[in-house]
Amino acid sequence: MLSLDSRLRVPAHVVFSKVADASVLLNTKTRKYYALDEVGVGFWDALNSGVGFRKAYEIILGDYDVTPAQLESDLLELVQHLTDAGLVEFDKE
């Protein structure tokens, strides 16, 4: 079950790029992309820096005026979309 304690990793076939005012993830296997908003980019940057899901949540919670419950719900939904698109995977280690 997905939670803030889930261990996530970015597969090697995923590329992140900022293009003009947009930020996108590209799954090079499916050739499909996924656009991220400002909060999504903050989450992605935190995740790529090696911090876990919970720490990324804590970083974003400190940066935005949002309730903890709303941010948790939003990030869980984002991660579900990203895993469905093959852009993040659960780390089983």
PDB file of N, CA and C in Angstrom:
ATOM      1  N   MET A   1       0.835  -1.182   0.000  1.00  0.00           N
ATOM      2  CA  MET A   1       0.000   0.000   0.000  1.00  0.00           C
ATOM      3  C   MET A   1       0.882   1.248   0.000  1.00  0.00           C
ATOM      4  N   LEU A   2       0.527   2.185  -0.811  1.00  0.00           N
ATOM      5  CA  LEU A   2       1.279   3.431  -0.945  1.00  0.00           C
ATOM      6  C   LEU A   2       1.099   4.296   0.296  1.00  0.00           C
ATOM      7  N   SER A   3       2.212   4.784   0.844  1.00  0.00           N
ATOM      8  CA  SER A   3       2.189   5.681   1.998  1.00  0.00           C
ATOM      9  C   SER A   3       3.424   6.569   1.949  1.00  0.00           C
ATOM     10  N   LEU A   4       3.498   7.527   2.869  1.00  0.00           N
ATOM     11  CA  LEU A   4       4.673   8.390   2.940  1.00  0.00           C
ATOM     12  C   LEU A   4       5.939   7.619   3.275  1.00  0.00           C
ATOM     13  N   ASP A   5       5.792   6.414   3.795  1.00  0.00           N
ATOM     14  CA  ASP A   5       6.949   5.590   4.120  1.00  0.00           C
ATOM     15  C   ASP A   5       7.356   4.649   2.986  1.00  0.00           C
ATOM     16  N   SER A   6       6.634   4.698   1.868  1.00  0.00           N
ATOM     17  CA  SER A   6       7.009   3.889   0.701  1.00  0.00           C
ATOM     18  C   SER A   6       8.368   4.344   0.194  1.00  0.00           C
ATOM     19  N   ARG A   7       9.166   3.383  -0.196  1.00  0.00           N
ATOM     20  CA  ARG A   7      10.475   3.692  -0.776  1.00  0.00           C
ATOM     21  C   ARG A   7      10.319   3.746  -2.289  1.00  0.00           C
ATOM     22  N   LEU A   8      10.711   4.868  -2.855  1.00  0.00           N
ATOM     23  CA  LEU A   8      10.548   5.091  -4.286  1.00  0.00           C
ATOM     24  C   LEU A   8      11.899   5.277  -4.944  1.00  0.00           C
ATOM     25  N   ARG A   9      11.950   4.950  -6.236  1.00  0.00           N
ATOM     26  CA  ARG A   9      13.160   5.219  -7.018  1.00  0.00           C
ATOM     27  C   ARG A   9      12.752   5.603  -8.430  1.00  0.00           C
ATOM     28  N   VAL A  10      13.637   6.323  -9.070  1.00  0.00           N
ATOM     29  CA  VAL A  10      13.407   6.753 -10.450  1.00  0.00           C
ATOM     30  C   VAL A  10      14.126   5.773 -11.368  1.00  0.00           C
ATOM     31  N   PRO A  11      13.395   5.115 -12.263  1.00  0.00           N
ATOM     32  CA  PRO A  11      14.035   4.171 -13.186  1.00  0.00           C
ATOM     33  C   PRO A  11      14.979   4.893 -14.157  1.00  0.00           C
ATOM     34  N   ALA A  12      15.936   4.163 -14.673  1.00  0.00           N
ATOM     35  CA  ALA A  12      16.921   4.734 -15.592  1.00  0.00           C
ATOM     36  C   ALA A  12      16.303   5.217 -16.895  1.00  0.00           C
ATOM     37  N   HIS A  13      15.126   4.706 -17.256  1.00  0.00           N
ATOM     38  CA  HIS A  13      14.509   5.082 -18.531  1.00  0.00           C
ATOM     39  C   HIS A  13      13.670   6.362 -18.437  1.00  0.00           C
ATOM     40  N   VAL A  14      13.792   7.095 -17.320  1.00  0.00           N
ATOM     41  CA  VAL A  14      13.023   8.328 -17.137  1.00  0.00           C
ATOM     42  C   VAL A  14      13.957   9.530 -17.228  1.00  0.00           C
ATOM     43  N   VAL A  15      13.537  10.512 -18.007  1.00  0.00           N
ATOM     44  CA  VAL A  15      14.307  11.738 -18.206  1.00  0.00           C
ATOM     45  C   VAL A  15      13.462  12.916 -17.746  1.00  0.00           C
ATOM     46  N   PHE A  16      14.089  13.842 -17.034  1.00  0.00           N
ATOM     47  CA  PHE A  16      13.427  15.064 -16.566  1.00  0.00           C
ATOM     48  C   PHE A  16      14.017  16.241 -17.312  1.00  0.00           C
ATOM     49  N   SER A  17      13.153  17.172 -17.738  1.00  0.00           N
ATOM     50  CA  SER A  17      13.644  18.340 -18.448  1.00  0.00           C
ATOM     51  C   SER A  17      12.741  19.533 -18.181  1.00  0.00           C
ATOM     52  N   LYS A  18      13.384  20.697 -18.124  1.00  0.00           N
ATOM     53  CA  LYS A  18      12.630  21.950 -18.045  1.00  0.00           C
ATOM     54  C   LYS A  18      12.699  22.581 -19.428  1.00  0.00           C
ATOM     55  N   VAL A  19      11.529  22.862 -19.979  1.00  0.00           N
ATOM     56  CA  VAL A  19      11.444  23.446 -21.313  1.00  0.00           C
ATOM     57  C   VAL A  19      10.606  24.710 -21.209  1.00  0.00           C
ATOM     58  N   ALA A  20      11.242  25.857 -21.426  1.00  0.00           N
ATOM     59  CA  ALA A  20      10.575  27.151 -21.276  1.00  0.00           C
ATOM     60  C   ALA A  20       9.977  27.221 -19.870  1.00  0.00           C
ATOM     61  N   ASP A  21       8.669  27.392 -19.767  1.00  0.00           N
ATOM     62  CA  ASP A  21       8.014  27.492 -18.466  1.00  0.00           C
ATOM     63  C   ASP A  21       7.456  26.162 -17.991  1.00  0.00           C
ATOM     64  N   ALA A  22       7.725  25.092 -18.715  1.00  0.00           N
ATOM     65  CA  ALA A  22       7.170  23.780 -18.366  1.00  0.00           C
ATOM     66  C   ALA A  22       8.272  22.842 -17.891  1.00  0.00           C
ATOM     67  N   SER A  23       7.869  21.899 -17.066  1.00  0.00           N
ATOM     68  CA  SER A  23       8.777  20.838 -16.617  1.00  0.00           C
ATOM     69  C   SER A  23       8.109  19.514 -16.936  1.00  0.00           C
ATOM     70  N   VAL A  24       8.870  18.628 -17.575  1.00  0.00           N
ATOM     71  CA  VAL A  24       8.277  17.371 -18.010  1.00  0.00           C
ATOM     72  C   VAL A  24       9.158  16.178 -17.661  1.00  0.00           C
ATOM     73  N   LEU A  25       8.498  15.053 -17.469  1.00  0.00           N
ATOM     74  CA  LEU A  25       9.151  13.762 -17.318  1.00  0.00           C
ATOM     75  C   LEU A  25       8.862  12.976 -18.576  1.00  0.00           C
ATOM     76  N   LEU A  26       9.853  12.266 -19.070  1.00  0.00           N
ATOM     77  CA  LEU A  26       9.677  11.443 -20.264  1.00  0.00           C
ATOM     78  C   LEU A  26      10.033  10.008 -19.935  1.00  0.00           C
ATOM     79  N   ASN A  27       9.104   9.105 -20.205  1.00  0.00           N
ATOM     80  CA  ASN A  27       9.364   7.676 -20.111  1.00  0.00           C
ATOM     81  C   ASN A  27       9.888   7.275 -21.478  1.00  0.00           C
ATOM     82  N   THR A  28      11.198   6.998 -21.581  1.00  0.00           N
ATOM     83  CA  THR A  28      11.791   6.721 -22.888  1.00  0.00           C
ATOM     84  C   THR A  28      11.367   5.371 -23.445  1.00  0.00           C
ATOM     85  N   LYS A  29      10.829   4.498 -22.600  1.00  0.00           N
ATOM     86  CA  LYS A  29      10.332   3.210 -23.095  1.00  0.00           C
ATOM     87  C   LYS A  29       8.997   3.374 -23.816  1.00  0.00           C
ATOM     88  N   THR A  30       8.112   4.177 -23.239  1.00  0.00           N
ATOM     89  CA  THR A  30       6.779   4.356 -23.838  1.00  0.00           C
ATOM     90  C   THR A  30       6.711   5.596 -24.723  1.00  0.00           C
ATOM     91  N   ARG A  31       7.710   6.466 -24.590  1.00  0.00           N
ATOM     92  CA  ARG A  31       7.766   7.744 -25.302  1.00  0.00           C
ATOM     93  C   ARG A  31       6.600   8.661 -24.932  1.00  0.00           C
ATOM     94  N   LYS A  32       6.102   8.487 -23.730  1.00  0.00           N
ATOM     95  CA  LYS A  32       5.044   9.356 -23.216  1.00  0.00           C
ATOM     96  C   LYS A  32       5.644  10.274 -22.168  1.00  0.00           C
ATOM     97  N   TYR A  33       5.107  11.480 -22.122  1.00  0.00           N
ATOM     98  CA  TYR A  33       5.614  12.441 -21.156  1.00  0.00           C
ATOM     99  C   TYR A  33       4.523  12.848 -20.174  1.00  0.00           C
ATOM    100  N   TYR A  34       4.960  13.441 -19.073  1.00  0.00           N
ATOM    101  CA  TYR A  34       4.079  13.842 -17.993  1.00  0.00           C
ATOM    102  C   TYR A  34       4.539  15.221 -17.544  1.00  0.00           C
ATOM    103  N   ALA A  35       3.665  16.197 -17.568  1.00  0.00           N
ATOM    104  CA  ALA A  35       3.998  17.563 -17.149  1.00  0.00           C
ATOM    105  C   ALA A  35       3.861  17.693 -15.634  1.00  0.00           C
ATOM    106  N   LEU A  36       4.763  18.453 -15.028  1.00  0.00           N
ATOM    107  CA  LEU A  36       4.726  18.700 -13.589  1.00  0.00           C
ATOM    108  C   LEU A  36       4.507  20.183 -13.316  1.00  0.00           C
ATOM    109  N   ASP A  37       3.704  20.471 -12.284  1.00  0.00           N
ATOM    110  CA  ASP A  37       3.556  21.849 -11.847  1.00  0.00           C
ATOM    111  C   ASP A  37       4.682  22.172 -10.857  1.00  0.00           C
ATOM    112  N   GLU A  38       4.647  23.344 -10.263  1.00  0.00           N
ATOM    113  CA  GLU A  38       5.717  23.797  -9.375  1.00  0.00           C
ATOM    114  C   GLU A  38       5.905  22.867  -8.176  1.00  0.00           C
ATOM    115  N   VAL A  39       4.827  22.433  -7.563  1.00  0.00           N
ATOM    116  CA  VAL A  39       4.928  21.526  -6.419  1.00  0.00           C
ATOM    117  C   VAL A  39       5.463  20.169  -6.870  1.00  0.00           C
ATOM    118  N   GLY A  40       5.009  19.703  -8.022  1.00  0.00           N
ATOM    119  CA  GLY A  40       5.498  18.437  -8.569  1.00  0.00           C
ATOM    120  C   GLY A  40       6.992  18.476  -8.831  1.00  0.00           C
ATOM    121  N   VAL A  41       7.473  19.606  -9.333  1.00  0.00           N
ATOM    122  CA  VAL A  41       8.911  19.762  -9.584  1.00  0.00           C
ATOM    123  C   VAL A  41       9.677  19.737  -8.261  1.00  0.00           C
ATOM    124  N   GLY A  42       9.142  20.400  -7.244  1.00  0.00           N
ATOM    125  CA  GLY A  42       9.775  20.378  -5.931  1.00  0.00           C
ATOM    126  C   GLY A  42       9.874  18.964  -5.379  1.00  0.00           C
ATOM    127  N   PHE A  43       8.801  18.196  -5.543  1.00  0.00           N
ATOM    128  CA  PHE A  43       8.802  16.808  -5.111  1.00  0.00           C
ATOM    129  C   PHE A  43       9.825  16.004  -5.905  1.00  0.00           C
ATOM    130  N   TRP A  44       9.835  16.172  -7.213  1.00  0.00           N
ATOM    131  CA  TRP A  44      10.758  15.439  -8.075  1.00  0.00           C
ATOM    132  C   TRP A  44      12.204  15.749  -7.716  1.00  0.00           C
ATOM    133  N   ASP A  45      12.511  17.038  -7.513  1.00  0.00           N
ATOM    134  CA  ASP A  45      13.869  17.430  -7.144  1.00  0.00           C
ATOM    135  C   ASP A  45      14.285  16.795  -5.818  1.00  0.00           C
ATOM    136  N   ALA A  46      13.372  16.796  -4.840  1.00  0.00           N
ATOM    137  CA  ALA A  46      13.678  16.193  -3.540  1.00  0.00           C
ATOM    138  C   ALA A  46      13.901  14.693  -3.687  1.00  0.00           C
ATOM    139  N   LEU A  47      13.036  14.044  -4.433  1.00  0.00           N
ATOM    140  CA  LEU A  47      13.161  12.597  -4.638  1.00  0.00           C
ATOM    141  C   LEU A  47      14.488  12.256  -5.326  1.00  0.00           C
ATOM    142  N   ASN A  48      14.869  13.034  -6.308  1.00  0.00           N
ATOM    143  CA  ASN A  48      16.122  12.785  -7.024  1.00  0.00           C
ATOM    144  C   ASN A  48      17.360  13.110  -6.204  1.00  0.00           C
ATOM    145  N   SER A  49      17.204  13.910  -5.167  1.00  0.00           N
ATOM    146  CA  SER A  49      18.358  14.234  -4.329  1.00  0.00           C
ATOM    147  C   SER A  49      18.679  13.096  -3.360  1.00  0.00           C
ATOM    148  N   GLY A  50      17.812  12.070  -3.358  1.00  0.00           N
ATOM    149  CA  GLY A  50      18.081  10.901  -2.538  1.00  0.00           C
ATOM    150  C   GLY A  50      17.304  10.845  -1.237  1.00  0.00           C
ATOM    151  N   VAL A  51      16.514  11.869  -0.954  1.00  0.00           N
ATOM    152  CA  VAL A  51      15.706  11.809   0.267  1.00  0.00           C
ATOM    153  C   VAL A  51      14.495  10.923   0.006  1.00  0.00           C
ATOM    154  N   GLY A  52      13.950  10.384   1.027  1.00  0.00           N
ATOM    155  CA  GLY A  52      12.781   9.519   0.885  1.00  0.00           C
ATOM    156  C   GLY A  52      11.501  10.309   0.676  1.00  0.00           C
ATOM    157  N   PHE A  53      10.435   9.569   0.456  1.00  0.00           N
ATOM    158  CA  PHE A  53       9.118  10.142   0.217  1.00  0.00           C
ATOM    159  C   PHE A  53       8.698  11.021   1.402  1.00  0.00           C
ATOM    160  N   ARG A  54       8.843  10.528   2.625  1.00  0.00           N
ATOM    161  CA  ARG A  54       8.430  11.304   3.802  1.00  0.00           C
ATOM    162  C   ARG A  54       9.232  12.599   3.916  1.00  0.00           C
ATOM    163  N   LYS A  55      10.539  12.546   3.685  1.00  0.00           N
ATOM    164  CA  LYS A  55      11.370  13.750   3.775  1.00  0.00           C
ATOM    165  C   LYS A  55      10.989  14.747   2.683  1.00  0.00           C
ATOM    166  N   ALA A  56      10.699  14.252   1.479  1.00  0.00           N
ATOM    167  CA  ALA A  56      10.258  15.145   0.401  1.00  0.00           C
ATOM    168  C   ALA A  56       8.962  15.846   0.808  1.00  0.00           C
ATOM    169  N   TYR A  57       8.057  15.098   1.419  1.00  0.00           N
ATOM    170  CA  TYR A  57       6.798  15.661   1.931  1.00  0.00           C
ATOM    171  C   TYR A  57       7.100  16.769   2.942  1.00  0.00           C
ATOM    172  N   GLU A  58       8.013  16.516   3.877  1.00  0.00           N
ATOM    173  CA  GLU A  58       8.342  17.500   4.900  1.00  0.00           C
ATOM    174  C   GLU A  58       8.956  18.762   4.299  1.00  0.00           C
ATOM    175  N   ILE A  59       9.802  18.592   3.293  1.00  0.00           N
ATOM    176  CA  ILE A  59      10.416  19.744   2.617  1.00  0.00           C
ATOM    177  C   ILE A  59       9.337  20.600   1.965  1.00  0.00           C
ATOM    178  N   ILE A  60       8.450  19.963   1.223  1.00  0.00           N
ATOM    179  CA  ILE A  60       7.401  20.699   0.517  1.00  0.00           C
ATOM    180  C   ILE A  60       6.441  21.336   1.507  1.00  0.00           C
ATOM    181  N   LEU A  61       6.125  20.643   2.594  1.00  0.00           N
ATOM    182  CA  LEU A  61       5.228  21.186   3.612  1.00  0.00           C
ATOM    183  C   LEU A  61       5.785  22.490   4.179  1.00  0.00           C
ATOM    184  N   GLY A  62       7.096  22.578   4.322  1.00  0.00           N
ATOM    185  CA  GLY A  62       7.723  23.799   4.813  1.00  0.00           C
ATOM    186  C   GLY A  62       7.757  24.923   3.800  1.00  0.00           C
ATOM    187  N   ASP A  63       7.620  24.584   2.519  1.00  0.00           N
ATOM    188  CA  ASP A  63       7.724  25.582   1.456  1.00  0.00           C
ATOM    189  C   ASP A  63       6.389  26.166   1.007  1.00  0.00           C
ATOM    190  N   TYR A  64       5.281  25.492   1.313  1.00  0.00           N
ATOM    191  CA  TYR A  64       3.984  25.925   0.802  1.00  0.00           C
ATOM    192  C   TYR A  64       2.968  26.049   1.930  1.00  0.00           C
ATOM    193  N   ASP A  65       2.013  26.923   1.733  1.00  0.00           N
ATOM    194  CA  ASP A  65       0.937  27.123   2.698  1.00  0.00           C
ATOM    195  C   ASP A  65      -0.171  26.115   2.394  1.00  0.00           C
ATOM    196  N   VAL A  66      -0.041  24.930   2.965  1.00  0.00           N
ATOM    197  CA  VAL A  66      -0.978  23.838   2.724  1.00  0.00           C
ATOM    198  C   VAL A  66      -1.088  23.025   4.011  1.00  0.00           C
ATOM    199  N   THR A  67      -2.233  22.443   4.240  1.00  0.00           N
ATOM    200  CA  THR A  67      -2.373  21.605   5.430  1.00  0.00           C
ATOM    201  C   THR A  67      -1.627  20.292   5.209  1.00  0.00           C
ATOM    202  N   PRO A  68      -1.124  19.709   6.285  1.00  0.00           N
ATOM    203  CA  PRO A  68      -0.432  18.429   6.144  1.00  0.00           C
ATOM    204  C   PRO A  68      -1.290  17.356   5.479  1.00  0.00           C
ATOM    205  N   ALA A  69      -2.556  17.272   5.847  1.00  0.00           N
ATOM    206  CA  ALA A  69      -3.438  16.252   5.270  1.00  0.00           C
ATOM    207  C   ALA A  69      -3.638  16.471   3.773  1.00  0.00           C
ATOM    208  N   GLN A  70      -3.806  17.731   3.355  1.00  0.00           N
ATOM    209  CA  GLN A  70      -4.013  18.011   1.932  1.00  0.00           C
ATOM    210  C   GLN A  70      -2.768  17.689   1.124  1.00  0.00           C
ATOM    211  N   LEU A  71      -1.590  18.062   1.652  1.00  0.00           N
ATOM    212  CA  LEU A  71      -0.346  17.774   0.937  1.00  0.00           C
ATOM    213  C   LEU A  71      -0.124  16.269   0.834  1.00  0.00           C
ATOM    214  N   GLU A  72      -0.354  15.544   1.909  1.00  0.00           N
ATOM    215  CA  GLU A  72      -0.195  14.094   1.860  1.00  0.00           C
ATOM    216  C   GLU A  72      -1.104  13.486   0.799  1.00  0.00           C
ATOM    217  N   SER A  73      -2.354  13.908   0.780  1.00  0.00           N
ATOM    218  CA  SER A  73      -3.305  13.406  -0.215  1.00  0.00           C
ATOM    219  C   SER A  73      -2.837  13.730  -1.636  1.00  0.00           C
ATOM    220  N   ASP A  74      -2.411  14.974  -1.842  1.00  0.00           N
ATOM    221  CA  ASP A  74      -1.965  15.402  -3.173  1.00  0.00           C
ATOM    222  C   ASP A  74      -0.724  14.627  -3.629  1.00  0.00           C
ATOM    223  N   LEU A  75       0.238  14.436  -2.722  1.00  0.00           N
ATOM    224  CA  LEU A  75       1.461  13.720  -3.099  1.00  0.00           C
ATOM    225  C   LEU A  75       1.204  12.239  -3.337  1.00  0.00           C
ATOM    226  N   LEU A  76       0.340  11.642  -2.535  1.00  0.00           N
ATOM    227  CA  LEU A  76      -0.004  10.236  -2.776  1.00  0.00           C
ATOM    228  C   LEU A  76      -0.672  10.079  -4.141  1.00  0.00           C
ATOM    229  N   GLU A  77      -1.527  11.023  -4.498  1.00  0.00           N
ATOM    230  CA  GLU A  77      -2.169  10.976  -5.814  1.00  0.00           C
ATOM    231  C   GLU A  77      -1.133  11.166  -6.922  1.00  0.00           C
ATOM    232  N   LEU A  78      -0.213  12.101  -6.740  1.00  0.00           N
ATOM    233  CA  LEU A  78       0.846  12.328  -7.725  1.00  0.00           C
ATOM    234  C   LEU A  78       1.693  11.075  -7.910  1.00  0.00           C
ATOM    235  N   VAL A  79       2.112  10.470  -6.815  1.00  0.00           N
ATOM    236  CA  VAL A  79       2.958   9.276  -6.905  1.00  0.00           C
ATOM    237  C   VAL A  79       2.200   8.138  -7.576  1.00  0.00           C
ATOM    238  N   GLN A  80       0.913   8.023  -7.315  1.00  0.00           N
ATOM    239  CA  GLN A  80       0.124   6.983  -7.982  1.00  0.00           C
ATOM    240  C   GLN A  80       0.120   7.202  -9.493  1.00  0.00           C
ATOM    241  N   HIS A  81      -0.056   8.453  -9.920  1.00  0.00           N
ATOM    242  CA  HIS A  81      -0.013   8.766 -11.358  1.00  0.00           C
ATOM    243  C   HIS A  81       1.366   8.462 -11.942  1.00  0.00           C
ATOM    244  N   LEU A  82       2.409   8.829 -11.202  1.00  0.00           N
ATOM    245  CA  LEU A  82       3.773   8.597 -11.688  1.00  0.00           C
ATOM    246  C   LEU A  82       4.089   7.107 -11.787  1.00  0.00           C
ATOM    247  N   THR A  83       3.650   6.318 -10.820  1.00  0.00           N
ATOM    248  CA  THR A  83       3.905   4.877 -10.898  1.00  0.00           C
ATOM    249  C   THR A  83       3.092   4.247 -12.023  1.00  0.00           C
ATOM    250  N   ASP A  84       1.848   4.685 -12.203  1.00  0.00           N
ATOM    251  CA  ASP A  84       1.024   4.167 -13.293  1.00  0.00           C
ATOM    252  C   ASP A  84       1.657   4.457 -14.658  1.00  0.00           C
ATOM    253  N   ALA A  85       2.356   5.591 -14.754  1.00  0.00           N
ATOM    254  CA  ALA A  85       2.998   5.985 -16.008  1.00  0.00           C
ATOM    255  C   ALA A  85       4.408   5.408 -16.145  1.00  0.00           C
ATOM    256  N   GLY A  86       4.861   4.640 -15.158  1.00  0.00           N
ATOM    257  CA  GLY A  86       6.202   4.050 -15.218  1.00  0.00           C
ATOM    258  C   GLY A  86       7.315   5.042 -14.958  1.00  0.00           C
ATOM    259  N   LEU A  87       7.002   6.146 -14.282  1.00  0.00           N
ATOM    260  CA  LEU A  87       7.994   7.190 -14.044  1.00  0.00           C
ATOM    261  C   LEU A  87       8.679   7.069 -12.687  1.00  0.00           C
ATOM    262  N   VAL A  88       8.083   6.370 -11.766  1.00  0.00           N
ATOM    263  CA  VAL A  88       8.728   5.995 -10.511  1.00  0.00           C
ATOM    264  C   VAL A  88       8.343   4.551 -10.205  1.00  0.00           C
ATOM    265  N   GLU A  89       9.173   3.915  -9.412  1.00  0.00           N
ATOM    266  CA  GLU A  89       8.938   2.534  -9.031  1.00  0.00           C
ATOM    267  C   GLU A  89       9.130   2.401  -7.527  1.00  0.00           C
ATOM    268  N   PHE A  90       8.507   1.388  -6.956  1.00  0.00           N
ATOM    269  CA  PHE A  90       8.732   1.076  -5.546  1.00  0.00           C
ATOM    270  C   PHE A  90      10.077   0.391  -5.440  1.00  0.00           C
ATOM    271  N   ASP A  91      10.872   0.833  -4.484  1.00  0.00           N
ATOM    272  CA  ASP A  91      12.169   0.227  -4.224  1.00  0.00           C
ATOM    273  C   ASP A  91      11.941  -0.874  -3.193  1.00  0.00           C
ATOM    274  N   LYS A  92      12.181  -2.097  -3.588  1.00  0.00           N
ATOM    275  CA  LYS A  92      11.887  -3.237  -2.727  1.00  0.00           C
ATOM    276  C   LYS A  92      12.995  -3.518  -1.718  1.00  0.00           C
ATOM    277  N   GLU A  93      14.140  -2.853  -1.854  1.00  0.00           N
ATOM    278  CA  GLU A  93      15.272  -3.089  -0.933  1.00  0.00           C
ATOM    279  C   GLU A  93      15.036  -2.445   0.402  1.00  0.00           C
TER     280      GLU A  93
END
